[in-house]
Amino acid sequence: MRYDGTMLITERFDECRAFYSLLLDAEPTPGVGWARFGLADGTWIALHTPWQPGMTTTGGSQVLLLEVSSLEREMGRLSESGVACSEPHEIPGGAVVTITDPDGRTIQLIAYSTQG
């Protein structure tokens, strides 16, 4: 078994598509009621409208973790576009910044320290 990707259910599809296009600095492969963003490692993040009643469409106990090479660069880029970023804080092996998507989902951008 291998991890393939993550699908996020949203009723705020257009707003989330614009947010994730900015966050990931990429345009998605479009579909009817869905959009898929390919990531550098071959996995993906997709957005999808609910296809059955009662599907969760807001943030909850899950946290989307995305590794970046530079927290400072990403914070600057996102802040310039109006995305609120937490102050970076250290974690074992690196640092993390927290942001929130239009549905209230927590996203953490993580930069790991390089050991030379």
Protein backbone atom coordinates (compact mmCIF):
# COMPACT_ATOMS: atom_id res chain seq x y z
CA MET A 1 0.00 0.00 0.00
CA ARG A 2 1.15 3.54 -0.76
CA TYR A 3 -0.26 6.93 0.20
CA ASP A 4 -1.94 8.50 -2.84
CA GLY A 5 -3.47 11.82 -1.82
CA THR A 6 -5.94 13.78 0.26
CA MET A 7 -9.45 14.83 -0.75
CA LEU A 8 -11.02 17.79 1.04
CA ILE A 9 -14.81 18.10 0.89
CA THR A 10 -16.07 21.67 0.57
CA GLU A 11 -19.26 23.57 -0.13
CA ARG A 12 -17.10 26.67 -0.72
CA PHE A 13 -15.51 25.17 -3.80
CA ASP A 14 -14.54 28.32 -5.73
CA GLU A 15 -13.13 30.05 -2.64
CA CYS A 16 -11.16 26.96 -1.63
CA ARG A 17 -9.87 26.42 -5.18
CA ALA A 18 -8.52 29.98 -5.23
CA PHE A 19 -7.00 29.54 -1.75
CA TYR A 20 -5.25 26.25 -2.58
CA SER A 21 -4.05 27.63 -5.94
CA LEU A 22 -2.36 30.43 -3.99
CA LEU A 23 -1.11 28.17 -1.19
CA LEU A 24 0.34 25.54 -3.51
CA ASP A 25 1.36 28.07 -6.17
CA ALA A 26 -0.26 25.86 -8.81
CA GLU A 27 -3.35 25.54 -10.92
CA PRO A 28 -5.37 22.36 -10.44
CA THR A 29 -6.45 19.78 -12.94
CA PRO A 30 -10.13 20.74 -13.19
CA GLY A 31 -13.18 18.52 -13.15
CA VAL A 32 -16.90 18.84 -12.56
CA GLY A 33 -17.25 19.51 -8.83
CA TRP A 34 -13.62 18.74 -8.11
CA ALA A 35 -10.08 20.04 -8.63
CA ARG A 36 -6.82 18.17 -8.10
CA PHE A 37 -3.45 19.73 -7.23
CA GLY A 38 -0.40 17.58 -7.91
CA LEU A 39 2.44 17.78 -5.37
CA ALA A 40 6.17 17.40 -6.01
CA ASP A 41 6.33 13.87 -4.56
CA GLY A 42 3.60 12.53 -6.87
CA THR A 43 0.82 12.72 -4.27
CA TRP A 44 -2.02 15.22 -4.50
CA ILE A 45 -4.56 17.35 -2.69
CA ALA A 46 -8.03 17.48 -4.22
CA LEU A 47 -11.12 19.53 -3.51
CA HIS A 48 -14.54 18.00 -4.06
CA THR A 49 -18.10 19.14 -3.51
CA PRO A 50 -20.19 16.86 -1.25
CA TRP A 51 -21.64 13.90 -3.16
CA GLN A 52 -23.90 12.64 -0.40
CA PRO A 53 -25.87 14.32 2.41
CA GLY A 54 -24.10 14.90 5.70
CA MET A 55 -20.53 15.00 4.43
CA THR A 56 -18.30 17.19 6.59
CA THR A 57 -17.24 20.34 4.80
CA THR A 58 -15.56 22.31 7.57
CA GLY A 59 -12.37 22.11 9.56
CA GLY A 60 -12.21 19.62 12.37
CA SER A 61 -9.65 17.51 14.11
CA GLN A 62 -7.48 16.93 11.03
CA VAL A 63 -4.39 19.00 10.25
CA LEU A 64 -2.94 19.13 6.72
CA LEU A 65 0.89 19.13 6.97
CA LEU A 66 2.89 20.49 4.04
CA GLU A 67 6.69 20.53 3.95
CA VAL A 68 8.28 23.68 2.52
CA SER A 69 11.89 24.64 1.96
CA SER A 70 11.57 28.14 3.50
CA LEU A 71 8.99 29.25 6.05
CA GLU A 72 10.07 32.86 5.64
CA ARG A 73 9.53 32.81 1.88
CA GLU A 74 6.14 31.11 2.16
CA MET A 75 4.99 33.41 4.97
CA GLY A 76 5.96 36.45 2.91
CA ARG A 77 4.25 35.20 -0.22
CA LEU A 78 1.05 34.22 1.59
CA SER A 79 0.92 37.33 3.80
CA GLU A 80 1.24 39.57 0.72
CA SER A 81 -1.92 37.88 -0.59
CA GLY A 82 -3.84 38.38 2.66
CA VAL A 83 -3.40 34.93 4.22
CA ALA A 84 -2.87 35.19 7.99
CA CYS A 85 0.11 33.16 9.22
CA SER A 86 1.00 32.34 12.81
CA GLU A 87 4.42 33.17 14.12
CA PRO A 88 6.83 30.30 13.43
CA HIS A 89 7.55 28.02 16.34
CA GLU A 90 10.12 25.32 16.75
CA ILE A 91 9.31 21.63 16.62
CA PRO A 92 11.73 18.70 16.86
CA GLY A 93 13.88 18.94 13.74
CA GLY A 94 12.48 22.17 12.37
CA ALA A 95 9.82 24.87 12.61
CA VAL A 96 6.15 25.23 11.75
CA VAL A 97 3.70 27.99 10.77
CA THR A 98 -0.07 27.54 11.02
CA ILE A 99 -2.68 28.92 8.59
CA THR A 100 -6.39 28.24 8.05
CA ASP A 101 -8.26 27.56 4.80
CA PRO A 102 -11.66 29.13 3.93
CA ASP A 103 -13.48 26.15 5.52
CA GLY A 104 -11.58 26.54 8.79
CA ARG A 105 -9.20 23.61 8.22
CA THR A 106 -5.85 23.90 9.95
CA ILE A 107 -2.80 23.72 7.70
CA GLN A 108 0.75 23.65 8.98
CA LEU A 109 3.72 24.53 6.83
CA ILE A 110 6.81 22.73 8.10
CA ALA A 111 10.44 23.43 7.29
CA TYR A 112 12.88 20.85 8.58
CA SER A 113 16.36 21.88 9.65
CA THR A 114 19.12 20.63 7.42
CA GLN A 115 22.06 18.99 9.08
CA GLY A 116 25.32 19.65 7.33
